[in-house]
Amino acid sequence: MANSSRTAPDFSRPIEALKACHERLRSQCAALRQLVDHIRDVGCDAQAQQAAAGVMRYFDMPARHHHADEEEDLLPRMLAAASLGRASTLTRLVADIAREHREMDWAWTRLRPVLQEIAAGERAALDSRAVNRFIQLNTAHIALEEDSVFPLAEMLLSREDFAAIGARMAQRRGGARC
């Protein structure tokens, strides 16, 4: 099953670190999609249990840190740096990002109990529609951030802003990667 072995950039380059998080998100979404097929074809064997546990580990903690990086640090600094002309557009973008985070969280809370059963070796079937919806939400969200948010952040924010964001990212994780 899919697994990303890339190392994360250090947090002194927060946009690169956030992009690396997106790569891991994509990898975990691929593992989740593969898990649906694996359970259907093979059942809930040791490989399925390990995959379910790995997906849960990622979406329970690093993915939540990623959302906090954006909502607590990146986006507020972007809003503070935006000119009046960009502020209303950016305010809508920030609201969209927060709404999408909530939708992804809600979709995750629907998937997690089934993954927990699988990780524990119990027979459970993953709803492919729920998995596809979760993956679609994440895929669209990543595209929005990489196409709109990150380029705008690079235009608006100073070196000092990025240093402060990176420090908070490292602090949030205790130095661990995304």
C-alpha atoms as a PDB file:
ATOM      1  CA  MET A   1       0.000   0.000   0.000  1.00  0.00           C
ATOM      2  CA  ALA A   2       1.094   3.578  -0.623  1.00  0.00           C
ATOM      3  CA  ASN A   3       3.602   5.101   1.723  1.00  0.00           C
ATOM      4  CA  SER A   4       5.586   8.297   1.400  1.00  0.00           C
ATOM      5  CA  SER A   5       9.222   8.069   2.401  1.00  0.00           C
ATOM      6  CA  ARG A   6      10.104  11.657   1.500  1.00  0.00           C
ATOM      7  CA  THR A   7      11.639  13.774   4.169  1.00  0.00           C
ATOM      8  CA  ALA A   8       9.919  17.014   5.056  1.00  0.00           C
ATOM      9  CA  PRO A   9      11.599  20.314   4.396  1.00  0.00           C
ATOM     10  CA  ASP A  10      12.529  22.067   7.576  1.00  0.00           C
ATOM     11  CA  PHE A  11      10.057  24.564   8.974  1.00  0.00           C
ATOM     12  CA  SER A  12      12.225  27.544   8.049  1.00  0.00           C
ATOM     13  CA  ARG A  13      10.442  27.279   4.681  1.00  0.00           C
ATOM     14  CA  PRO A  14       6.806  26.921   5.794  1.00  0.00           C
ATOM     15  CA  ILE A  15       5.210  26.958   2.335  1.00  0.00           C
ATOM     16  CA  GLU A  16       7.497  24.110   1.273  1.00  0.00           C
ATOM     17  CA  ALA A  17       6.665  22.280   4.510  1.00  0.00           C
ATOM     18  CA  LEU A  18       2.938  22.731   3.831  1.00  0.00           C
ATOM     19  CA  LYS A  19       3.404  21.410   0.291  1.00  0.00           C
ATOM     20  CA  ALA A  20       5.243  18.396   1.721  1.00  0.00           C
ATOM     21  CA  CYS A  21       2.248  17.863   4.009  1.00  0.00           C
ATOM     22  CA  HIS A  22       0.082  17.835   0.905  1.00  0.00           C
ATOM     23  CA  GLU A  23       2.249  15.085  -0.593  1.00  0.00           C
ATOM     24  CA  ARG A  24       1.724  13.000   2.541  1.00  0.00           C
ATOM     25  CA  LEU A  25      -2.016  13.756   2.434  1.00  0.00           C
ATOM     26  CA  ARG A  26      -2.110  12.494  -1.156  1.00  0.00           C
ATOM     27  CA  SER A  27      -0.174   9.398  -0.136  1.00  0.00           C
ATOM     28  CA  GLN A  28      -2.524   8.644   2.752  1.00  0.00           C
ATOM     29  CA  CYS A  29      -5.566   9.182   0.512  1.00  0.00           C
ATOM     30  CA  ALA A  30      -4.057   6.691  -1.962  1.00  0.00           C
ATOM     31  CA  ALA A  31      -3.506   4.219   0.874  1.00  0.00           C
ATOM     32  CA  LEU A  32      -7.122   4.657   1.943  1.00  0.00           C
ATOM     33  CA  ARG A  33      -8.355   4.040  -1.615  1.00  0.00           C
ATOM     34  CA  GLN A  34      -6.148   0.934  -1.854  1.00  0.00           C
ATOM     35  CA  LEU A  35      -7.482  -0.261   1.486  1.00  0.00           C
ATOM     36  CA  VAL A  36     -11.054  -0.294   0.138  1.00  0.00           C
ATOM     37  CA  ASP A  37      -9.966  -2.609  -2.697  1.00  0.00           C
ATOM     38  CA  HIS A  38      -7.769  -4.720  -0.425  1.00  0.00           C
ATOM     39  CA  ILE A  39     -10.570  -5.370   2.055  1.00  0.00           C
ATOM     40  CA  ARG A  40     -12.986  -6.191  -0.759  1.00  0.00           C
ATOM     41  CA  ASP A  41     -10.515  -8.571  -2.450  1.00  0.00           C
ATOM     42  CA  VAL A  42      -8.536 -10.056   0.457  1.00  0.00           C
ATOM     43  CA  GLY A  43     -10.361  -9.139   3.645  1.00  0.00           C
ATOM     44  CA  CYS A  44      -9.185  -7.721   6.919  1.00  0.00           C
ATOM     45  CA  ASP A  45      -5.737  -9.279   7.115  1.00  0.00           C
ATOM     46  CA  ALA A  46      -2.605  -7.989   8.840  1.00  0.00           C
ATOM     47  CA  GLN A  47      -1.777  -5.733   5.878  1.00  0.00           C
ATOM     48  CA  ALA A  48      -5.244  -4.122   6.047  1.00  0.00           C
ATOM     49  CA  GLN A  49      -4.872  -3.673   9.804  1.00  0.00           C
ATOM     50  CA  GLN A  50      -1.506  -1.946   9.392  1.00  0.00           C
ATOM     51  CA  ALA A  51      -2.787   0.270   6.581  1.00  0.00           C
ATOM     52  CA  ALA A  52      -5.856   1.315   8.584  1.00  0.00           C
ATOM     53  CA  ALA A  53      -3.690   2.099  11.619  1.00  0.00           C
ATOM     54  CA  GLY A  54      -1.304   4.160   9.480  1.00  0.00           C
ATOM     55  CA  VAL A  55      -4.095   6.191   7.890  1.00  0.00           C
ATOM     56  CA  MET A  56      -5.599   6.843  11.321  1.00  0.00           C
ATOM     57  CA  ARG A  57      -2.236   7.945  12.739  1.00  0.00           C
ATOM     58  CA  TYR A  58      -1.813  10.439   9.944  1.00  0.00           C
ATOM     59  CA  PHE A  59      -5.299  11.953   9.884  1.00  0.00           C
ATOM     60  CA  ASP A  60      -5.598  11.992  13.674  1.00  0.00           C
ATOM     61  CA  MET A  61      -2.538  14.160  14.249  1.00  0.00           C
ATOM     62  CA  PRO A  62      -0.329  15.476  11.406  1.00  0.00           C
ATOM     63  CA  ALA A  63      -3.328  16.401   9.224  1.00  0.00           C
ATOM     64  CA  ARG A  64      -4.870  18.288  12.154  1.00  0.00           C
ATOM     65  CA  HIS A  65      -1.588  20.128  12.715  1.00  0.00           C
ATOM     66  CA  HIS A  66      -1.626  21.093   9.049  1.00  0.00           C
ATOM     67  CA  HIS A  67      -5.074  22.651   9.399  1.00  0.00           C
ATOM     68  CA  ALA A  68      -3.933  24.525  12.515  1.00  0.00           C
ATOM     69  CA  ASP A  69      -0.848  25.785  10.656  1.00  0.00           C
ATOM     70  CA  GLU A  70      -3.136  27.408   8.147  1.00  0.00           C
ATOM     71  CA  GLU A  71      -5.981  28.607  10.352  1.00  0.00           C
ATOM     72  CA  GLU A  72      -3.928  29.824  13.308  1.00  0.00           C
ATOM     73  CA  ASP A  73      -0.799  31.130  11.608  1.00  0.00           C
ATOM     74  CA  LEU A  74      -0.679  31.396   7.814  1.00  0.00           C
ATOM     75  CA  LEU A  75      -4.145  32.765   7.048  1.00  0.00           C
ATOM     76  CA  PRO A  76      -4.312  35.335   9.881  1.00  0.00           C
ATOM     77  CA  ARG A  77      -0.909  36.718   8.839  1.00  0.00           C
ATOM     78  CA  MET A  78      -2.084  36.871   5.237  1.00  0.00           C
ATOM     79  CA  LEU A  79      -5.189  38.792   6.279  1.00  0.00           C
ATOM     80  CA  ALA A  80      -3.107  41.206   8.311  1.00  0.00           C
ATOM     81  CA  ALA A  81      -0.772  41.813   5.369  1.00  0.00           C
ATOM     82  CA  ALA A  82      -3.475  42.173   2.710  1.00  0.00           C
ATOM     83  CA  SER A  83      -4.256  45.532   1.197  1.00  0.00           C
ATOM     84  CA  LEU A  84      -7.822  46.810   1.360  1.00  0.00           C
ATOM     85  CA  GLY A  85      -8.338  45.796  -2.254  1.00  0.00           C
ATOM     86  CA  ARG A  86      -7.383  42.199  -1.575  1.00  0.00           C
ATOM     87  CA  ALA A  87      -8.874  41.928   1.909  1.00  0.00           C
ATOM     88  CA  SER A  88     -12.440  41.063   0.859  1.00  0.00           C
ATOM     89  CA  THR A  89     -11.282  38.400  -1.608  1.00  0.00           C
ATOM     90  CA  LEU A  90      -8.888  36.983   0.954  1.00  0.00           C
ATOM     91  CA  THR A  91     -11.595  37.025   3.648  1.00  0.00           C
ATOM     92  CA  ARG A  92     -13.796  34.874   1.397  1.00  0.00           C
ATOM     93  CA  LEU A  93     -10.882  32.575   0.656  1.00  0.00           C
ATOM     94  CA  VAL A  94     -10.133  32.181   4.374  1.00  0.00           C
ATOM     95  CA  ALA A  95     -13.796  31.384   5.037  1.00  0.00           C
ATOM     96  CA  ASP A  96     -13.748  28.783   2.235  1.00  0.00           C
ATOM     97  CA  ILE A  97     -10.599  27.164   3.638  1.00  0.00           C
ATOM     98  CA  ALA A  98     -12.106  26.969   7.150  1.00  0.00           C
ATOM     99  CA  ARG A  99     -15.366  25.524   5.774  1.00  0.00           C
ATOM    100  CA  GLU A 100     -13.456  22.908   3.799  1.00  0.00           C
ATOM    101  CA  HIS A 101     -11.447  21.979   6.892  1.00  0.00           C
ATOM    102  CA  ARG A 102     -14.714  21.396   8.769  1.00  0.00           C
ATOM    103  CA  GLU A 103     -16.114  19.287   5.908  1.00  0.00           C
ATOM    104  CA  MET A 104     -12.961  17.159   5.848  1.00  0.00           C
ATOM    105  CA  ASP A 105     -13.109  16.771   9.635  1.00  0.00           C
ATOM    106  CA  TRP A 106     -16.741  15.672   9.428  1.00  0.00           C
ATOM    107  CA  ALA A 107     -15.970  13.165   6.652  1.00  0.00           C
ATOM    108  CA  TRP A 108     -13.044  11.859   8.728  1.00  0.00           C
ATOM    109  CA  THR A 109     -15.241  11.310  11.789  1.00  0.00           C
ATOM    110  CA  ARG A 110     -17.463   9.102   9.618  1.00  0.00           C
ATOM    111  CA  LEU A 111     -14.537   7.010   8.322  1.00  0.00           C
ATOM    112  CA  ARG A 112     -12.449   6.703  11.463  1.00  0.00           C
ATOM    113  CA  PRO A 113     -14.642   4.244  13.447  1.00  0.00           C
ATOM    114  CA  VAL A 114     -14.570   1.750  10.562  1.00  0.00           C
ATOM    115  CA  LEU A 115     -10.802   2.128  10.239  1.00  0.00           C
ATOM    116  CA  GLN A 116     -10.487   1.585  13.970  1.00  0.00           C
ATOM    117  CA  GLU A 117     -12.401  -1.686  13.640  1.00  0.00           C
ATOM    118  CA  ILE A 118     -10.189  -2.784  10.763  1.00  0.00           C
ATOM    119  CA  ALA A 119      -7.016  -1.865  12.665  1.00  0.00           C
ATOM    120  CA  ALA A 120      -8.279  -3.986  15.563  1.00  0.00           C
ATOM    121  CA  GLY A 121      -8.712  -6.965  13.227  1.00  0.00           C
ATOM    122  CA  GLU A 122     -12.489  -6.836  13.142  1.00  0.00           C
ATOM    123  CA  ARG A 123     -14.321  -7.522   9.908  1.00  0.00           C
ATOM    124  CA  ALA A 124     -15.555  -4.251   8.514  1.00  0.00           C
ATOM    125  CA  ALA A 125     -16.276  -2.872   5.080  1.00  0.00           C
ATOM    126  CA  LEU A 126     -15.202   0.588   4.095  1.00  0.00           C
ATOM    127  CA  ASP A 127     -17.925   2.479   2.270  1.00  0.00           C
ATOM    128  CA  SER A 128     -16.261   3.318  -1.043  1.00  0.00           C
ATOM    129  CA  ARG A 129     -18.554   6.330  -1.515  1.00  0.00           C
ATOM    130  CA  ALA A 130     -17.528   7.769   1.867  1.00  0.00           C
ATOM    131  CA  VAL A 131     -13.858   7.116   1.074  1.00  0.00           C
ATOM    132  CA  ASN A 132     -14.199   8.708  -2.368  1.00  0.00           C
ATOM    133  CA  ARG A 133     -15.942  11.743  -0.883  1.00  0.00           C
ATOM    134  CA  PHE A 134     -13.188  12.154   1.725  1.00  0.00           C
ATOM    135  CA  ILE A 135     -10.511  11.888  -0.969  1.00  0.00           C
ATOM    136  CA  GLN A 136     -12.356  14.331  -3.246  1.00  0.00           C
ATOM    137  CA  LEU A 137     -12.622  16.868  -0.432  1.00  0.00           C
ATOM    138  CA  ASN A 138      -8.903  16.599   0.274  1.00  0.00           C
ATOM    139  CA  THR A 139      -7.928  16.729  -3.399  1.00  0.00           C
ATOM    140  CA  ALA A 140     -10.001  19.843  -4.112  1.00  0.00           C
ATOM    141  CA  HIS A 141      -8.751  21.508  -0.948  1.00  0.00           C
ATOM    142  CA  ILE A 142      -5.106  20.859  -1.789  1.00  0.00           C
ATOM    143  CA  ALA A 143      -5.651  22.308  -5.272  1.00  0.00           C
ATOM    144  CA  LEU A 144      -7.216  25.471  -3.830  1.00  0.00           C
ATOM    145  CA  GLU A 145      -4.325  25.970  -1.450  1.00  0.00           C
ATOM    146  CA  GLU A 146      -1.574  25.258  -3.972  1.00  0.00           C
ATOM    147  CA  ASP A 147      -3.170  27.277  -6.770  1.00  0.00           C
ATOM    148  CA  SER A 148      -4.425  30.257  -4.742  1.00  0.00           C
ATOM    149  CA  VAL A 149      -3.395  30.417  -1.103  1.00  0.00           C
ATOM    150  CA  PHE A 150       0.303  29.586  -1.285  1.00  0.00           C
ATOM    151  CA  PRO A 151       1.153  31.884  -4.213  1.00  0.00           C
ATOM    152  CA  LEU A 152      -0.734  34.708  -2.523  1.00  0.00           C
ATOM    153  CA  ALA A 153       1.078  34.033   0.757  1.00  0.00           C
ATOM    154  CA  GLU A 154       4.413  34.268  -1.030  1.00  0.00           C
ATOM    155  CA  MET A 155       3.391  37.670  -2.422  1.00  0.00           C
ATOM    156  CA  LEU A 156       1.980  39.072   0.829  1.00  0.00           C
ATOM    157  CA  LEU A 157       4.191  37.775   3.613  1.00  0.00           C
ATOM    158  CA  SER A 158       7.598  38.922   4.739  1.00  0.00           C
ATOM    159  CA  ARG A 159      10.620  36.880   5.715  1.00  0.00           C
ATOM    160  CA  GLU A 160       9.750  37.635   9.344  1.00  0.00           C
ATOM    161  CA  ASP A 161       6.196  36.342   8.841  1.00  0.00           C
ATOM    162  CA  PHE A 162       7.514  33.102   7.370  1.00  0.00           C
ATOM    163  CA  ALA A 163      10.017  32.711  10.214  1.00  0.00           C
ATOM    164  CA  ALA A 164       7.244  33.128  12.792  1.00  0.00           C
ATOM    165  CA  ILE A 165       4.939  30.703  10.948  1.00  0.00           C
ATOM    166  CA  GLY A 166       7.722  28.137  10.658  1.00  0.00           C
ATOM    167  CA  ALA A 167       8.564  28.445  14.353  1.00  0.00           C
ATOM    168  CA  ARG A 168       4.916  27.835  15.283  1.00  0.00           C
ATOM    169  CA  MET A 169       4.745  24.839  12.937  1.00  0.00           C
ATOM    170  CA  ALA A 170       7.798  23.283  14.566  1.00  0.00           C
ATOM    171  CA  GLN A 171       6.470  24.067  18.049  1.00  0.00           C
ATOM    172  CA  ARG A 172       3.068  22.540  17.238  1.00  0.00           C
ATOM    173  CA  ARG A 173       4.748  19.292  16.212  1.00  0.00           C
ATOM    174  CA  GLY A 174       7.529  19.201  18.758  1.00  0.00           C
ATOM    175  CA  GLY A 175       9.964  19.132  15.837  1.00  0.00           C
ATOM    176  CA  ALA A 176       8.311  16.149  14.124  1.00  0.00           C
ATOM    177  CA  ARG A 177       7.545  16.293  10.424  1.00  0.00           C
ATOM    178  CA  CYS A 178       4.200  17.025   8.833  1.00  0.00           C
END
